[in-house]
């Protein structure tokens, strides 16, 4: 999906750069996201935060899904 229409930056572009360890400011400088009208800044920042190592939301969602399905990672003694 195109996040930044002004500079034609997709969510995949942002994700790829965030997974490479770049901050939002670095990505903004590299790709030009949120440098024109600014309407995409919130969405772009959300994508970067979701990909950040310090915010492992994907891991938490997977764990929650596993526990909801009845699967438990903990052994009962």
PDB file of N, CA and C in Angstrom:
ATOM      1  N   UNK A   1       0.845  -1.166   0.000  1.00  0.00           N
ATOM      2  CA  UNK A   1       0.000   0.000   0.000  1.00  0.00           C
ATOM      3  C   UNK A   1       0.898   1.239   0.000  1.00  0.00           C
ATOM      4  N   UNK A   2       0.488   2.250  -0.720  1.00  0.00           N
ATOM      5  CA  UNK A   2       1.223   3.508  -0.743  1.00  0.00           C
ATOM      6  C   UNK A   2       0.867   4.297   0.517  1.00  0.00           C
ATOM      7  N   UNK A   3       1.869   4.639   1.296  1.00  0.00           N
ATOM      8  CA  UNK A   3       1.676   5.414   2.521  1.00  0.00           C
ATOM      9  C   UNK A   3       1.842   6.896   2.220  1.00  0.00           C
ATOM     10  N   UNK A   4       2.919   7.232   1.521  1.00  0.00           N
ATOM     11  CA  UNK A   4       3.213   8.625   1.172  1.00  0.00           C
ATOM     12  C   UNK A   4       2.931   8.812  -0.314  1.00  0.00           C
ATOM     13  N   UNK A   5       1.806   9.456  -0.605  1.00  0.00           N
ATOM     14  CA  UNK A   5       1.410   9.675  -1.988  1.00  0.00           C
ATOM     15  C   UNK A   5       2.350  10.678  -2.659  1.00  0.00           C
ATOM     16  N   UNK A   6       2.757  11.701  -1.926  1.00  0.00           N
ATOM     17  CA  UNK A   6       3.610  12.755  -2.498  1.00  0.00           C
ATOM     18  C   UNK A   6       4.925  12.200  -3.056  1.00  0.00           C
ATOM     19  N   UNK A   7       5.525  11.243  -2.334  1.00  0.00           N
ATOM     20  CA  UNK A   7       6.820  10.695  -2.744  1.00  0.00           C
ATOM     21  C   UNK A   7       6.739   9.229  -3.146  1.00  0.00           C
ATOM     22  N   UNK A   8       5.516   8.710  -3.251  1.00  0.00           N
ATOM     23  CA  UNK A   8       5.263   7.318  -3.654  1.00  0.00           C
ATOM     24  C   UNK A   8       6.090   6.320  -2.838  1.00  0.00           C
ATOM     25  N   UNK A   9       5.915   6.379  -1.521  1.00  0.00           N
ATOM     26  CA  UNK A   9       6.607   5.484  -0.595  1.00  0.00           C
ATOM     27  C   UNK A   9       5.590   4.486  -0.068  1.00  0.00           C
ATOM     28  N   UNK A  10       5.912   3.209  -0.174  1.00  0.00           N
ATOM     29  CA  UNK A  10       4.982   2.168   0.260  1.00  0.00           C
ATOM     30  C   UNK A  10       5.280   1.711   1.685  1.00  0.00           C
ATOM     31  N   UNK A  11       4.329   0.986   2.254  1.00  0.00           N
ATOM     32  CA  UNK A  11       4.545   0.401   3.574  1.00  0.00           C
ATOM     33  C   UNK A  11       5.686  -0.616   3.537  1.00  0.00           C
ATOM     34  N   UNK A  12       5.862  -1.286   2.426  1.00  0.00           N
ATOM     35  CA  UNK A  12       6.965  -2.248   2.285  1.00  0.00           C
ATOM     36  C   UNK A  12       8.318  -1.548   2.301  1.00  0.00           C
ATOM     37  N   UNK A  13       8.398  -0.381   1.659  1.00  0.00           N
ATOM     38  CA  UNK A  13       9.644   0.390   1.683  1.00  0.00           C
ATOM     39  C   UNK A  13       9.989   0.786   3.116  1.00  0.00           C
ATOM     40  N   UNK A  14       9.005   1.296   3.828  1.00  0.00           N
ATOM     41  CA  UNK A  14       9.227   1.719   5.215  1.00  0.00           C
ATOM     42  C   UNK A  14       9.606   0.530   6.082  1.00  0.00           C
ATOM     43  N   UNK A  15       8.898  -0.576   5.928  1.00  0.00           N
ATOM     44  CA  UNK A  15       9.167  -1.784   6.708  1.00  0.00           C
ATOM     45  C   UNK A  15      10.579  -2.294   6.464  1.00  0.00           C
ATOM     46  N   UNK A  16      10.977  -2.342   5.210  1.00  0.00           N
ATOM     47  CA  UNK A  16      12.313  -2.833   4.866  1.00  0.00           C
ATOM     48  C   UNK A  16      13.397  -1.981   5.541  1.00  0.00           C
ATOM     49  N   UNK A  17      13.249  -0.682   5.501  1.00  0.00           N
ATOM     50  CA  UNK A  17      14.232   0.208   6.111  1.00  0.00           C
ATOM     51  C   UNK A  17      14.204   0.107   7.639  1.00  0.00           C
ATOM     52  N   UNK A  18      13.011  -0.024   8.226  1.00  0.00           N
ATOM     53  CA  UNK A  18      12.902  -0.156   9.677  1.00  0.00           C
ATOM     54  C   UNK A  18      13.530  -1.458  10.153  1.00  0.00           C
ATOM     55  N   UNK A  19      13.321  -2.549   9.418  1.00  0.00           N
ATOM     56  CA  UNK A  19      13.937  -3.828   9.779  1.00  0.00           C
ATOM     57  C   UNK A  19      15.455  -3.778   9.649  1.00  0.00           C
ATOM     58  N   UNK A  20      15.953  -2.861   8.829  1.00  0.00           N
ATOM     59  CA  UNK A  20      17.400  -2.684   8.680  1.00  0.00           C
ATOM     60  C   UNK A  20      17.974  -1.856   9.829  1.00  0.00           C
ATOM     61  N   UNK A  21      17.107  -1.405  10.746  1.00  0.00           N
ATOM     62  CA  UNK A  21      17.575  -0.690  11.925  1.00  0.00           C
ATOM     63  C   UNK A  21      17.501   0.825  11.831  1.00  0.00           C
ATOM     64  N   UNK A  22      16.866   1.330  10.781  1.00  0.00           N
ATOM     65  CA  UNK A  22      16.775   2.778  10.615  1.00  0.00           C
ATOM     66  C   UNK A  22      15.638   3.348  11.462  1.00  0.00           C
ATOM     67  N   UNK A  23      15.860   4.541  12.016  1.00  0.00           N
ATOM     68  CA  UNK A  23      14.830   5.240  12.778  1.00  0.00           C
ATOM     69  C   UNK A  23      13.890   5.955  11.811  1.00  0.00           C
ATOM     70  N   UNK A  24      12.808   6.508  12.346  1.00  0.00           N
ATOM     71  CA  UNK A  24      11.885   7.249  11.492  1.00  0.00           C
ATOM     72  C   UNK A  24      12.605   8.416  10.824  1.00  0.00           C
ATOM     73  N   UNK A  25      13.426   9.130  11.581  1.00  0.00           N
ATOM     74  CA  UNK A  25      14.155  10.274  11.016  1.00  0.00           C
ATOM     75  C   UNK A  25      15.071   9.848   9.874  1.00  0.00           C
ATOM     76  N   UNK A  26      15.746   8.709  10.044  1.00  0.00           N
ATOM     77  CA  UNK A  26      16.617   8.186   8.984  1.00  0.00           C
ATOM     78  C   UNK A  26      15.807   7.819   7.743  1.00  0.00           C
ATOM     79  N   UNK A  27      14.677   7.170   7.957  1.00  0.00           N
ATOM     80  CA  UNK A  27      13.810   6.764   6.849  1.00  0.00           C
ATOM     81  C   UNK A  27      13.241   7.991   6.149  1.00  0.00           C
ATOM     82  N   UNK A  28      12.875   8.991   6.924  1.00  0.00           N
ATOM     83  CA  UNK A  28      12.351  10.223   6.357  1.00  0.00           C
ATOM     84  C   UNK A  28      13.399  10.875   5.455  1.00  0.00           C
ATOM     85  N   UNK A  29      14.634  10.909   5.900  1.00  0.00           N
ATOM     86  CA  UNK A  29      15.713  11.489   5.110  1.00  0.00           C
ATOM     87  C   UNK A  29      15.996  10.660   3.858  1.00  0.00           C
ATOM     88  N   UNK A  30      15.985   9.347   4.002  1.00  0.00           N
ATOM     89  CA  UNK A  30      16.306   8.438   2.896  1.00  0.00           C
ATOM     90  C   UNK A  30      15.203   8.380   1.840  1.00  0.00           C
ATOM     91  N   UNK A  31      13.948   8.257   2.278  1.00  0.00           N
ATOM     92  CA  UNK A  31      12.840   8.040   1.349  1.00  0.00           C
ATOM     93  C   UNK A  31      12.009   9.291   1.064  1.00  0.00           C
ATOM     94  N   UNK A  32      12.118  10.292   1.929  1.00  0.00           N
ATOM     95  CA  UNK A  32      11.324  11.500   1.745  1.00  0.00           C
ATOM     96  C   UNK A  32       9.913  11.393   2.287  1.00  0.00           C
ATOM     97  N   UNK A  33       9.628  10.333   3.037  1.00  0.00           N
ATOM     98  CA  UNK A  33       8.291  10.143   3.589  1.00  0.00           C
ATOM     99  C   UNK A  33       7.991  11.281   4.575  1.00  0.00           C
ATOM    100  N   UNK A  34       6.768  11.811   4.500  1.00  0.00           N
ATOM    101  CA  UNK A  34       6.286  12.878   5.392  1.00  0.00           C
ATOM    102  C   UNK A  34       7.114  14.155   5.294  1.00  0.00           C
ATOM    103  N   UNK A  35       7.598  14.467   4.100  1.00  0.00           N
ATOM    104  CA  UNK A  35       8.366  15.704   3.917  1.00  0.00           C
ATOM    105  C   UNK A  35       7.624  16.744   3.088  1.00  0.00           C
ATOM    106  N   UNK A  36       6.476  16.385   2.538  1.00  0.00           N
ATOM    107  CA  UNK A  36       5.710  17.347   1.721  1.00  0.00           C
ATOM    108  C   UNK A  36       4.479  17.808   2.490  1.00  0.00           C
ATOM    109  N   UNK A  37       3.365  17.135   2.328  1.00  0.00           N
ATOM    110  CA  UNK A  37       2.126  17.575   2.972  1.00  0.00           C
ATOM    111  C   UNK A  37       2.040  17.110   4.429  1.00  0.00           C
ATOM    112  N   UNK A  38       2.718  16.003   4.763  1.00  0.00           N
ATOM    113  CA  UNK A  38       2.744  15.508   6.138  1.00  0.00           C
ATOM    114  C   UNK A  38       1.556  14.649   6.535  1.00  0.00           C
ATOM    115  N   UNK A  39       0.620  14.416   5.637  1.00  0.00           N
ATOM    116  CA  UNK A  39      -0.570  13.633   5.967  1.00  0.00           C
ATOM    117  C   UNK A  39      -0.243  12.181   6.316  1.00  0.00           C
ATOM    118  N   UNK A  40       0.873  11.674   5.848  1.00  0.00           N
ATOM    119  CA  UNK A  40       1.234  10.271   6.048  1.00  0.00           C
ATOM    120  C   UNK A  40       2.099  10.041   7.286  1.00  0.00           C
ATOM    121  N   UNK A  41       2.486  11.085   7.972  1.00  0.00           N
ATOM    122  CA  UNK A  41       3.457  10.935   9.063  1.00  0.00           C
ATOM    123  C   UNK A  41       2.998   9.971  10.148  1.00  0.00           C
ATOM    124  N   UNK A  42       1.765  10.075  10.582  1.00  0.00           N
ATOM    125  CA  UNK A  42       1.262   9.188  11.633  1.00  0.00           C
ATOM    126  C   UNK A  42       1.311   7.733  11.224  1.00  0.00           C
ATOM    127  N   UNK A  43       0.858   7.442  10.028  1.00  0.00           N
ATOM    128  CA  UNK A  43       0.873   6.067   9.518  1.00  0.00           C
ATOM    129  C   UNK A  43       2.305   5.555   9.381  1.00  0.00           C
ATOM    130  N   UNK A  44       3.183   6.388   8.835  1.00  0.00           N
ATOM    131  CA  UNK A  44       4.579   5.991   8.650  1.00  0.00           C
ATOM    132  C   UNK A  44       5.253   5.721   9.993  1.00  0.00           C
ATOM    133  N   UNK A  45       5.000   6.574  10.973  1.00  0.00           N
ATOM    134  CA  UNK A  45       5.573   6.361  12.313  1.00  0.00           C
ATOM    135  C   UNK A  45       5.040   5.079  12.946  1.00  0.00           C
ATOM    136  N   UNK A  46       3.757   4.798  12.760  1.00  0.00           N
ATOM    137  CA  UNK A  46       3.175   3.555  13.282  1.00  0.00           C
ATOM    138  C   UNK A  46       3.867   2.333  12.684  1.00  0.00           C
ATOM    139  N   UNK A  47       4.129   2.367  11.395  1.00  0.00           N
ATOM    140  CA  UNK A  47       4.803   1.247  10.724  1.00  0.00           C
ATOM    141  C   UNK A  47       6.199   1.064  11.287  1.00  0.00           C
ATOM    142  N   UNK A  48       6.938   2.155  11.445  1.00  0.00           N
ATOM    143  CA  UNK A  48       8.296   2.081  11.998  1.00  0.00           C
ATOM    144  C   UNK A  48       8.251   1.526  13.415  1.00  0.00           C
ATOM    145  N   UNK A  49       7.302   1.996  14.238  1.00  0.00           N
ATOM    146  CA  UNK A  49       7.193   1.504  15.613  1.00  0.00           C
ATOM    147  C   UNK A  49       6.854   0.024  15.669  1.00  0.00           C
ATOM    148  N   UNK A  50       6.014  -0.449  14.767  1.00  0.00           N
ATOM    149  CA  UNK A  50       5.658  -1.864  14.738  1.00  0.00           C
ATOM    150  C   UNK A  50       6.837  -2.741  14.346  1.00  0.00           C
ATOM    151  N   UNK A  51       7.762  -2.184  13.579  1.00  0.00           N
ATOM    152  CA  UNK A  51       8.917  -2.947  13.114  1.00  0.00           C
ATOM    153  C   UNK A  51      10.109  -2.816  14.052  1.00  0.00           C
ATOM    154  N   UNK A  52      10.012  -1.953  15.035  1.00  0.00           N
ATOM    155  CA  UNK A  52      11.119  -1.687  15.935  1.00  0.00           C
ATOM    156  C   UNK A  52      11.387  -2.875  16.846  1.00  0.00           C
ATOM    157  N   UNK A  53      12.643  -3.139  17.096  1.00  0.00           N
ATOM    158  CA  UNK A  53      13.032  -4.244  17.979  1.00  0.00           C
ATOM    159  C   UNK A  53      12.585  -3.987  19.415  1.00  0.00           C
ATOM    160  N   UNK A  54      12.471  -2.729  19.798  1.00  0.00           N
ATOM    161  CA  UNK A  54      12.067  -2.411  21.165  1.00  0.00           C
ATOM    162  C   UNK A  54      10.555  -2.505  21.361  1.00  0.00           C
ATOM    163  N   UNK A  55       9.795  -2.680  20.284  1.00  0.00           N
ATOM    164  CA  UNK A  55       8.347  -2.837  20.341  1.00  0.00           C
ATOM    165  C   UNK A  55       7.938  -4.102  19.599  1.00  0.00           C
ATOM    166  N   UNK A  56       8.208  -5.283  20.171  1.00  0.00           N
ATOM    167  CA  UNK A  56       7.922  -6.531  19.453  1.00  0.00           C
ATOM    168  C   UNK A  56       6.446  -6.897  19.461  1.00  0.00           C
ATOM    169  N   UNK A  57       5.620  -6.061  18.826  1.00  0.00           N
ATOM    170  CA  UNK A  57       4.179  -6.307  18.845  1.00  0.00           C
ATOM    171  C   UNK A  57       3.798  -7.575  18.105  1.00  0.00           C
ATOM    172  N   UNK A  58       4.531  -7.916  17.068  1.00  0.00           N
ATOM    173  CA  UNK A  58       4.203  -9.126  16.314  1.00  0.00           C
ATOM    174  C   UNK A  58       4.389 -10.360  17.187  1.00  0.00           C
ATOM    175  N   UNK A  59       5.439 -10.381  17.986  1.00  0.00           N
ATOM    176  CA  UNK A  59       5.694 -11.526  18.866  1.00  0.00           C
ATOM    177  C   UNK A  59       4.589 -11.635  19.915  1.00  0.00           C
ATOM    178  N   UNK A  60       4.140 -10.508  20.446  1.00  0.00           N
ATOM    179  CA  UNK A  60       3.078 -10.543  21.439  1.00  0.00           C
ATOM    180  C   UNK A  60       1.767 -11.015  20.831  1.00  0.00           C
ATOM    181  N   UNK A  61       1.496 -10.598  19.622  1.00  0.00           N
ATOM    182  CA  UNK A  61       0.267 -11.030  18.957  1.00  0.00           C
ATOM    183  C   UNK A  61       0.301 -12.527  18.688  1.00  0.00           C
ATOM    184  N   UNK A  62       1.453 -13.043  18.279  1.00  0.00           N
ATOM    185  CA  UNK A  62       1.570 -14.472  18.013  1.00  0.00           C
ATOM    186  C   UNK A  62       1.381 -15.267  19.296  1.00  0.00           C
ATOM    187  N   UNK A  63       1.978 -14.811  20.388  1.00  0.00           N
ATOM    188  CA  UNK A  63       1.857 -15.507  21.661  1.00  0.00           C
ATOM    189  C   UNK A  63       0.408 -15.507  22.124  1.00  0.00           C
ATOM    190  N   UNK A  64      -0.252 -14.356  21.972  1.00  0.00           N
ATOM    191  CA  UNK A  64      -1.653 -14.255  22.355  1.00  0.00           C
ATOM    192  C   UNK A  64      -2.528 -15.183  21.540  1.00  0.00           C
ATOM    193  N   UNK A  65      -2.241 -15.319  20.267  1.00  0.00           N
ATOM    194  CA  UNK A  65      -3.012 -16.206  19.402  1.00  0.00           C
ATOM    195  C   UNK A  65      -2.792 -17.660  19.785  1.00  0.00           C
ATOM    196  N   UNK A  66      -1.546 -17.994  20.140  1.00  0.00           N
ATOM    197  CA  UNK A  66      -1.249 -19.368  20.531  1.00  0.00           C
ATOM    198  C   UNK A  66      -1.965 -19.721  21.825  1.00  0.00           C
ATOM    199  N   UNK A  67      -1.974 -18.807  22.787  1.00  0.00           N
ATOM    200  CA  UNK A  67      -2.647 -19.062  24.056  1.00  0.00           C
ATOM    201  C   UNK A  67      -4.157 -19.117  23.875  1.00  0.00           C
ATOM    202  N   UNK A  68      -4.691 -18.327  22.991  1.00  0.00           N
ATOM    203  CA  UNK A  68      -6.138 -18.323  22.738  1.00  0.00           C
ATOM    204  C   UNK A  68      -6.586 -19.635  22.108  1.00  0.00           C
ATOM    205  N   UNK A  69      -5.684 -20.285  21.380  1.00  0.00           N
ATOM    206  CA  UNK A  69      -6.052 -21.536  20.715  1.00  0.00           C
ATOM    207  C   UNK A  69      -5.921 -22.739  21.654  1.00  0.00           C
ATOM    208  N   UNK A  70      -5.540 -22.479  22.919  1.00  0.00           N
ATOM    209  CA  UNK A  70      -5.424 -23.573  23.870  1.00  0.00           C
ATOM    210  C   UNK A  70      -4.023 -24.122  23.987  1.00  0.00           C
ATOM    211  N   UNK A  71      -3.104 -23.635  23.188  1.00  0.00           N
ATOM    212  CA  UNK A  71      -1.728 -24.096  23.250  1.00  0.00           C
ATOM    213  C   UNK A  71      -1.012 -23.329  24.341  1.00  0.00           C
ATOM    214  N   UNK A  72      -0.293 -24.038  25.192  1.00  0.00           N
ATOM    215  CA  UNK A  72       0.407 -23.393  26.299  1.00  0.00           C
ATOM    216  C   UNK A  72       1.865 -23.803  26.242  1.00  0.00           C
ATOM    217  N   UNK A  73       2.755 -22.812  26.299  1.00  0.00           N
ATOM    218  CA  UNK A  73       4.201 -23.077  26.225  1.00  0.00           C
ATOM    219  C   UNK A  73       4.786 -23.524  27.551  1.00  0.00           C
ATOM    220  N   UNK A  74       4.026 -23.474  28.622  1.00  0.00           N
ATOM    221  CA  UNK A  74       4.563 -23.768  29.942  1.00  0.00           C
ATOM    222  C   UNK A  74       4.223 -25.194  30.342  1.00  0.00           C
ATOM    223  N   UNK A  75       5.231 -25.881  30.842  1.00  0.00           N
ATOM    224  CA  UNK A  75       5.027 -27.253  31.293  1.00  0.00           C
ATOM    225  C   UNK A  75       4.471 -27.225  32.714  1.00  0.00           C
ATOM    226  N   UNK A  76       3.589 -28.128  33.000  1.00  0.00           N
ATOM    227  CA  UNK A  76       3.016 -28.229  34.341  1.00  0.00           C
ATOM    228  C   UNK A  76       3.794 -29.281  35.092  1.00  0.00           C
ATOM    229  N   UNK A  77       4.266 -28.915  36.278  1.00  0.00           N
ATOM    230  CA  UNK A  77       5.105 -29.837  37.062  1.00  0.00           C
ATOM    231  C   UNK A  77       4.282 -30.714  37.949  1.00  0.00           C
TER     232      UNK A  77
END
